Amino acid sequence: MPDDFVFDTRTDLRPDQKAEVLIQALPWLQKFAGALVVVKYGGNAMVDEELKRAFAQDMVFLRQVGLRPVVVHGGGPQINAMLDRLGIESEFRGGLRVTTPEAMEVVRMVLTGQVSRELVGLLNAHGPHAVGLSGEDGGLFQARRRTAFVGAEAVDVGLVGDVVQVNPGAVQDLLDAGRIPVVSTVAPDIDDPTQVLNVNADTAAAALAVALGARKLIVLTDVEGLYLSWPDRSSLVRRLSASQLAEVLPTLDSGMRPKMEACWRAVTGGVGRAHVIDGRAPHSILVEVFTSDGIGTMVLPDTEPEDAPFTAPIPVVHPEVPA
């Protein structure tokens, strides 16, 4: 058999089916032309090599078709791996990592020197698009130390903070230059600028989305969306309003609550839509943005006149459930 034959390795889709996929995206390409989208990168998409590459392709695709993506990332799995490697014990209280000064050095090193650099490299494999920065750069974030609660008991979680001030100028400059900003979530302590705090990436992404006036906040996670009664798969919520979400928040577990609270903060702060989607599915961001059905759970502002009821009933929030 001749070596120079080119064999057909195309998909099983017929040409008309491929065209239909592209045409379905047209109204969404028009609707979101120039739109600023903040994406919180996390979960399994950060550790699976195929998903990493797919995520980078999605971000570059968004940029190439006229959207303005901003990536905000944490790095829990990578931080845990490095702490284990160095023999530094990890502890969580109230869903937050207890960050000692020793651990904070590792957090800072991993987020800015490992996770950010890897993601910037994956993005720049498609062209000189991405620039990494942290919450320390250009005064992007300022944070204040927080206390976590386990039940009704306050617990100290060390050098962990909440974003209390955002100066998005450095990110906006990169966007104006056609770049994809990649933001690591460490931030100086507003009460002690010599100290750096570990900031939850979900809440940091929401704060940045509000400050930038983003059209969308998209949060990647390792489930299909918000379930009201896990593992009952029929309780997956497709859409809900900010006020409906506020009722549900106290009932959520410590893993999902920060993500849904970030969505609530975003839409009540002026962001048009917030989404929690399954980052385990390759190209899930493109499916969310450019298809009619989308995926995951969408949170809308209460002012939306066309709000449709969401697909599962809101449970009663009992007074004994700690907020």
Protein backbone atom coordinates (compact mmCIF):
# COMPACT_ATOMS: atom_id res chain seq x y z
CA MET A 1 0.00 0.00 0.00
CA PRO A 2 1.47 3.44 -0.92
CA ASP A 3 2.79 5.40 2.04
CA ASP A 4 1.49 8.72 0.77
CA PHE A 5 -2.23 7.91 0.91
CA VAL A 6 -4.27 10.26 3.13
CA PHE A 7 -6.92 8.25 4.96
CA ASP A 8 -10.24 9.61 6.22
CA THR A 9 -10.01 10.14 9.99
CA ARG A 10 -12.89 12.61 10.20
CA THR A 11 -15.79 12.27 12.64
CA ASP A 12 -19.01 10.44 11.84
CA LEU A 13 -20.91 13.73 11.51
CA ARG A 14 -22.18 14.46 8.03
CA PRO A 15 -21.23 17.82 6.48
CA ASP A 16 -24.75 19.17 7.09
CA GLN A 17 -24.54 18.14 10.75
CA LYS A 18 -21.21 19.89 11.15
CA ALA A 19 -22.71 22.98 9.54
CA GLU A 20 -25.66 22.84 11.96
CA VAL A 21 -23.29 22.84 14.93
CA LEU A 22 -21.56 25.95 13.60
CA ILE A 23 -24.80 27.74 12.69
CA GLN A 24 -26.23 27.11 16.17
CA ALA A 25 -23.36 29.18 17.55
CA LEU A 26 -24.05 32.18 15.29
CA PRO A 27 -26.61 34.05 17.46
CA TRP A 28 -24.43 33.56 20.52
CA LEU A 29 -21.34 34.79 18.69
CA GLN A 30 -23.32 37.90 17.79
CA LYS A 31 -24.78 38.33 21.27
CA PHE A 32 -21.46 38.03 23.10
CA ALA A 33 -19.23 39.91 20.66
CA GLY A 34 -16.90 42.00 22.83
CA ALA A 35 -18.31 40.53 26.06
CA LEU A 36 -16.03 40.20 29.06
CA VAL A 37 -16.20 36.75 30.66
CA VAL A 38 -14.48 35.81 33.93
CA VAL A 39 -13.75 32.09 34.25
CA LYS A 40 -12.76 30.47 37.52
CA TYR A 41 -10.47 27.58 36.58
CA GLY A 42 -10.46 24.72 39.06
CA GLY A 43 -11.39 21.15 39.84
CA ASN A 44 -10.40 18.20 37.70
CA ALA A 45 -9.79 20.49 34.73
CA MET A 46 -6.60 21.58 36.51
CA VAL A 47 -5.10 18.11 36.90
CA ASP A 48 -6.16 16.09 33.85
CA GLU A 49 -3.80 16.71 30.94
CA GLU A 50 -6.46 16.42 28.24
CA LEU A 51 -8.79 18.77 30.13
CA LYS A 52 -5.98 21.28 30.64
CA ARG A 53 -5.38 21.44 26.91
CA ALA A 54 -9.12 21.64 26.17
CA PHE A 55 -9.51 24.51 28.63
CA ALA A 56 -6.67 26.44 27.00
CA GLN A 57 -8.24 25.87 23.59
CA ASP A 58 -11.58 27.17 24.89
CA MET A 59 -10.02 30.37 26.22
CA VAL A 60 -8.15 31.05 22.99
CA PHE A 61 -11.30 30.29 20.99
CA LEU A 62 -13.26 32.83 23.04
CA ARG A 63 -10.63 35.46 22.37
CA GLN A 64 -10.41 34.67 18.66
CA VAL A 65 -14.17 35.08 18.14
CA GLY A 66 -14.29 38.43 19.89
CA LEU A 67 -14.94 37.75 23.57
CA ARG A 68 -12.59 38.95 26.31
CA PRO A 69 -11.86 36.10 28.72
CA VAL A 70 -10.18 36.53 32.12
CA VAL A 71 -9.00 33.42 33.97
CA VAL A 72 -8.88 33.30 37.78
CA HIS A 73 -7.39 30.16 39.31
CA GLY A 74 -6.68 28.49 42.59
CA GLY A 75 -4.56 25.39 42.94
CA GLY A 76 -5.78 23.16 45.73
CA PRO A 77 -4.54 19.82 44.33
CA GLN A 78 -1.12 21.25 43.45
CA ILE A 79 -0.79 22.97 46.83
CA ASN A 80 -1.70 19.76 48.65
CA ALA A 81 0.84 17.80 46.61
CA MET A 82 3.63 20.27 47.36
CA LEU A 83 2.77 20.46 51.06
CA ASP A 84 2.86 16.66 51.24
CA ARG A 85 6.15 16.60 49.37
CA LEU A 86 7.64 19.06 51.85
CA GLY A 87 6.14 17.29 54.85
CA ILE A 88 3.89 20.21 55.81
CA GLU A 89 0.55 19.06 57.19
CA SER A 90 -2.67 20.40 55.61
CA GLU A 91 -5.71 21.09 57.75
CA PHE A 92 -9.14 22.39 56.78
CA ARG A 93 -11.62 24.13 59.08
CA GLY A 94 -15.03 25.33 57.94
CA GLY A 95 -14.14 24.43 54.36
CA LEU A 96 -11.04 26.65 54.35
CA ARG A 97 -7.40 25.66 54.34
CA VAL A 98 -5.58 26.59 57.55
CA THR A 99 -2.69 28.62 56.18
CA THR A 100 0.32 28.97 58.46
CA PRO A 101 3.20 31.28 57.48
CA GLU A 102 5.15 28.21 56.38
CA ALA A 103 2.23 26.97 54.29
CA MET A 104 1.67 30.46 52.85
CA GLU A 105 5.13 30.40 51.31
CA VAL A 106 4.17 27.18 49.53
CA VAL A 107 0.77 28.54 48.45
CA ARG A 108 2.36 31.61 46.93
CA MET A 109 5.07 29.60 45.20
CA VAL A 110 2.68 27.03 43.74
CA LEU A 111 0.01 29.47 42.56
CA THR A 112 2.28 32.04 40.96
CA GLY A 113 5.25 29.88 40.00
CA GLN A 114 3.65 26.59 39.00
CA VAL A 115 -0.07 26.72 38.22
CA SER A 116 -0.02 30.14 36.59
CA ARG A 117 3.09 29.44 34.53
CA GLU A 118 1.73 26.12 33.28
CA LEU A 119 -1.59 27.65 32.24
CA VAL A 120 0.06 30.63 30.57
CA GLY A 121 2.25 28.18 28.65
CA LEU A 122 -0.75 26.15 27.48
CA LEU A 123 -2.52 29.28 26.29
CA ASN A 124 0.55 30.67 24.58
CA ALA A 125 1.04 27.44 22.66
CA HIS A 126 -1.69 28.92 20.44
CA GLY A 127 -0.02 32.32 20.12
CA PRO A 128 1.28 35.09 22.40
CA HIS A 129 -2.05 35.61 24.15
CA ALA A 130 -1.75 35.09 27.91
CA VAL A 131 -0.08 37.08 30.68
CA GLY A 132 0.05 35.88 34.29
CA LEU A 133 -0.35 38.13 37.31
CA SER A 134 -1.32 37.71 40.94
CA GLY A 135 -3.55 39.66 43.27
CA GLU A 136 -0.41 41.40 44.48
CA ASP A 137 0.41 42.86 41.06
CA GLY A 138 -0.73 46.38 40.27
CA GLY A 139 -2.70 46.49 43.52
CA LEU A 140 -5.25 44.14 41.92
CA PHE A 141 -6.64 42.70 45.16
CA GLN A 142 -6.55 43.71 48.79
CA ALA A 143 -7.85 41.26 51.35
CA ARG A 144 -8.68 41.13 55.04
CA ARG A 145 -8.15 38.12 57.30
CA ARG A 146 -11.25 36.12 57.94
CA THR A 147 -12.59 33.78 60.56
CA ALA A 148 -14.31 30.56 59.57
CA PHE A 149 -17.23 28.98 61.40
CA VAL A 150 -17.73 25.33 62.19
CA GLY A 151 -21.35 25.27 63.24
CA ALA A 152 -21.65 28.29 65.51
CA GLU A 153 -18.01 28.17 66.61
CA ALA A 154 -15.49 30.65 65.19
CA VAL A 155 -12.16 29.09 64.23
CA ASP A 156 -8.87 30.65 63.18
CA VAL A 157 -7.74 29.63 59.69
CA GLY A 158 -4.47 31.53 59.64
CA LEU A 159 -3.40 33.60 56.65
CA VAL A 160 -6.70 33.32 54.79
CA GLY A 161 -8.55 36.39 53.61
CA ASP A 162 -11.54 37.79 51.77
CA VAL A 163 -11.12 40.26 48.94
CA VAL A 164 -12.33 43.65 50.18
CA GLN A 165 -10.95 45.89 47.44
CA VAL A 166 -10.32 45.42 43.71
CA ASN A 167 -8.32 47.67 41.42
CA PRO A 168 -8.89 46.09 38.00
CA GLY A 169 -6.67 48.52 36.09
CA ALA A 170 -3.87 46.03 35.39
CA VAL A 171 -6.34 43.43 34.12
CA GLN A 172 -8.16 46.00 32.01
CA ASP A 173 -4.88 47.11 30.44
CA LEU A 174 -4.13 43.53 29.42
CA LEU A 175 -7.61 43.11 27.96
CA ASP A 176 -7.26 46.34 26.01
CA ALA A 177 -3.99 44.98 24.60
CA GLY A 178 -5.78 41.84 23.39
CA ARG A 179 -4.30 39.57 26.06
CA ILE A 180 -5.84 36.86 28.23
CA PRO A 181 -5.12 37.73 31.89
CA VAL A 182 -4.41 34.73 34.14
CA VAL A 183 -4.87 35.72 37.79
CA SER A 184 -3.44 33.88 40.82
CA THR A 185 -5.42 34.37 44.02
CA VAL A 186 -3.00 35.63 46.62
CA ALA A 187 -3.45 39.17 47.93
CA PRO A 188 -1.83 41.61 50.36
CA ASP A 189 -3.47 42.10 53.74
CA ILE A 190 -5.13 45.53 53.74
CA ASP A 191 -4.35 45.88 57.45
CA ASP A 192 -0.71 44.78 57.06
CA PRO A 193 0.56 45.23 53.48
CA THR A 194 3.74 43.30 54.30
CA GLN A 195 1.63 40.16 54.77
CA VAL A 196 0.16 38.09 51.93
CA LEU A 197 -3.09 36.16 52.33
CA ASN A 198 -4.47 33.06 50.64
CA VAL A 199 -7.76 34.05 49.00
CA ASN A 200 -10.52 31.70 47.89
CA ALA A 201 -10.48 31.66 44.09
CA ASP A 202 -14.27 31.45 43.76
CA THR A 203 -14.90 34.62 45.75
CA ALA A 204 -11.94 36.39 44.13
CA ALA A 205 -13.32 35.60 40.67
CA ALA A 206 -16.71 37.01 41.66
CA ALA A 207 -15.15 40.20 43.05
CA LEU A 208 -13.12 40.69 39.88
CA ALA A 209 -16.14 40.01 37.65
CA VAL A 210 -18.09 42.71 39.48
CA ALA A 211 -15.22 45.21 39.30
CA LEU A 212 -14.77 44.61 35.56
CA GLY A 213 -18.50 44.74 34.79
CA ALA A 214 -18.36 41.25 33.27
CA ARG A 215 -21.25 39.81 31.28
CA LYS A 216 -20.65 36.34 32.69
CA LEU A 217 -18.94 34.54 35.53
CA ILE A 218 -18.29 30.85 34.83
CA VAL A 219 -17.14 28.59 37.67
CA LEU A 220 -15.71 25.18 36.78
CA THR A 221 -16.32 22.37 39.24
CA ASP A 222 -16.42 18.56 39.34
CA VAL A 223 -20.20 18.09 39.28
CA GLU A 224 -22.86 18.85 36.67
CA GLY A 225 -24.16 21.85 38.61
CA LEU A 226 -26.18 22.59 41.75
CA TYR A 227 -28.08 19.62 43.17
CA LEU A 228 -30.70 20.34 45.81
CA SER A 229 -30.76 16.75 47.02
CA TRP A 230 -27.58 14.91 46.05
CA PRO A 231 -27.31 12.09 44.92
CA ASP A 232 -30.82 12.49 43.43
CA ARG A 233 -29.83 13.44 39.88
CA SER A 234 -33.32 14.74 39.15
CA SER A 235 -32.68 17.55 41.64
CA LEU A 236 -30.16 19.26 39.35
CA VAL A 237 -31.11 22.94 39.06
CA ARG A 238 -30.81 24.42 35.57
CA ARG A 239 -31.54 28.03 36.50
CA LEU A 240 -32.56 30.07 39.52
CA SER A 241 -32.69 33.69 40.59
CA ALA A 242 -30.40 35.39 43.08
CA SER A 243 -33.12 35.49 45.73
CA GLN A 244 -33.89 31.80 45.26
CA LEU A 245 -30.20 31.03 45.59
CA ALA A 246 -30.01 33.08 48.80
CA GLU A 247 -32.63 30.77 50.31
CA VAL A 248 -30.69 27.67 49.34
CA LEU A 249 -27.18 28.77 50.34
CA PRO A 250 -27.42 27.85 54.05
CA THR A 251 -28.26 24.25 53.13
CA LEU A 252 -25.27 23.65 50.86
CA ASP A 253 -22.17 21.71 51.83
CA SER A 254 -18.82 23.39 52.39
CA GLY A 255 -17.57 22.43 48.94
CA MET A 256 -20.42 23.88 46.88
CA ARG A 257 -21.31 26.84 49.09
CA PRO A 258 -18.34 29.09 48.13
CA LYS A 259 -19.03 28.49 44.44
CA MET A 260 -22.72 29.32 44.66
CA GLU A 261 -22.05 32.25 46.99
CA ALA A 262 -19.62 33.57 44.37
CA CYS A 263 -22.40 33.33 41.78
CA TRP A 264 -24.79 35.17 44.09
CA ARG A 265 -22.27 37.93 44.77
CA ALA A 266 -21.60 38.30 41.07
CA VAL A 267 -25.20 38.71 39.89
CA THR A 268 -26.19 40.94 42.82
CA GLY A 269 -23.13 43.05 42.01
CA GLY A 270 -24.14 43.65 38.41
CA VAL A 271 -22.75 40.67 36.47
CA GLY A 272 -25.30 39.56 33.87
CA ARG A 273 -25.14 35.81 34.46
CA ALA A 274 -23.24 33.37 36.65
CA HIS A 275 -22.80 29.69 35.87
CA VAL A 276 -21.50 26.60 37.65
CA ILE A 277 -20.57 23.97 35.05
CA ASP A 278 -18.89 20.58 34.92
CA GLY A 279 -15.21 21.08 34.12
CA ARG A 280 -14.75 17.33 33.67
CA ALA A 281 -16.38 17.55 30.24
CA PRO A 282 -13.95 18.72 27.54
CA HIS A 283 -14.88 22.10 26.03
CA SER A 284 -17.71 22.58 28.52
CA ILE A 285 -17.20 26.35 28.38
CA LEU A 286 -17.86 26.46 24.64
CA VAL A 287 -21.00 24.37 25.11
CA GLU A 288 -22.22 26.78 27.78
CA VAL A 289 -21.52 29.98 25.86
CA PHE A 290 -22.36 28.99 22.29
CA THR A 291 -25.31 26.58 22.46
CA SER A 292 -28.98 27.25 23.10
CA ASP A 293 -29.36 24.81 25.98
CA GLY A 294 -26.04 25.44 27.70
CA ILE A 295 -25.01 23.22 30.58
CA GLY A 296 -24.76 23.37 34.35
CA THR A 297 -26.62 25.77 36.64
CA MET A 298 -27.27 29.41 35.73
CA VAL A 299 -27.93 32.16 38.28
CA LEU A 300 -29.76 35.28 37.09
CA PRO A 301 -30.43 38.65 38.71
CA ASP A 302 -33.85 39.08 40.31
CA THR A 303 -34.60 41.90 37.85
CA GLU A 304 -34.77 39.50 34.88
CA PRO A 305 -38.37 39.72 33.60
CA GLU A 306 -38.12 36.51 31.62
CA ASP A 307 -37.01 34.33 34.52
CA ALA A 308 -38.39 30.83 34.19
CA PRO A 309 -39.01 28.63 37.23
CA PHE A 310 -36.06 26.40 37.87
CA THR A 311 -36.29 22.69 37.59
CA ALA A 312 -36.43 21.59 41.21
CA PRO A 313 -38.31 22.87 44.27
CA ILE A 314 -36.57 25.08 46.82
CA PRO A 315 -36.35 23.28 50.17
CA VAL A 316 -37.45 25.06 53.31
CA VAL A 317 -34.45 26.55 55.10
CA HIS A 318 -34.73 25.46 58.70
CA PRO A 319 -33.58 27.88 61.43
CA GLU A 320 -31.21 25.32 62.92
CA VAL A 321 -29.14 25.16 59.71
CA PRO A 322 -26.12 27.43 60.30
CA ALA A 323 -25.65 30.17 57.72
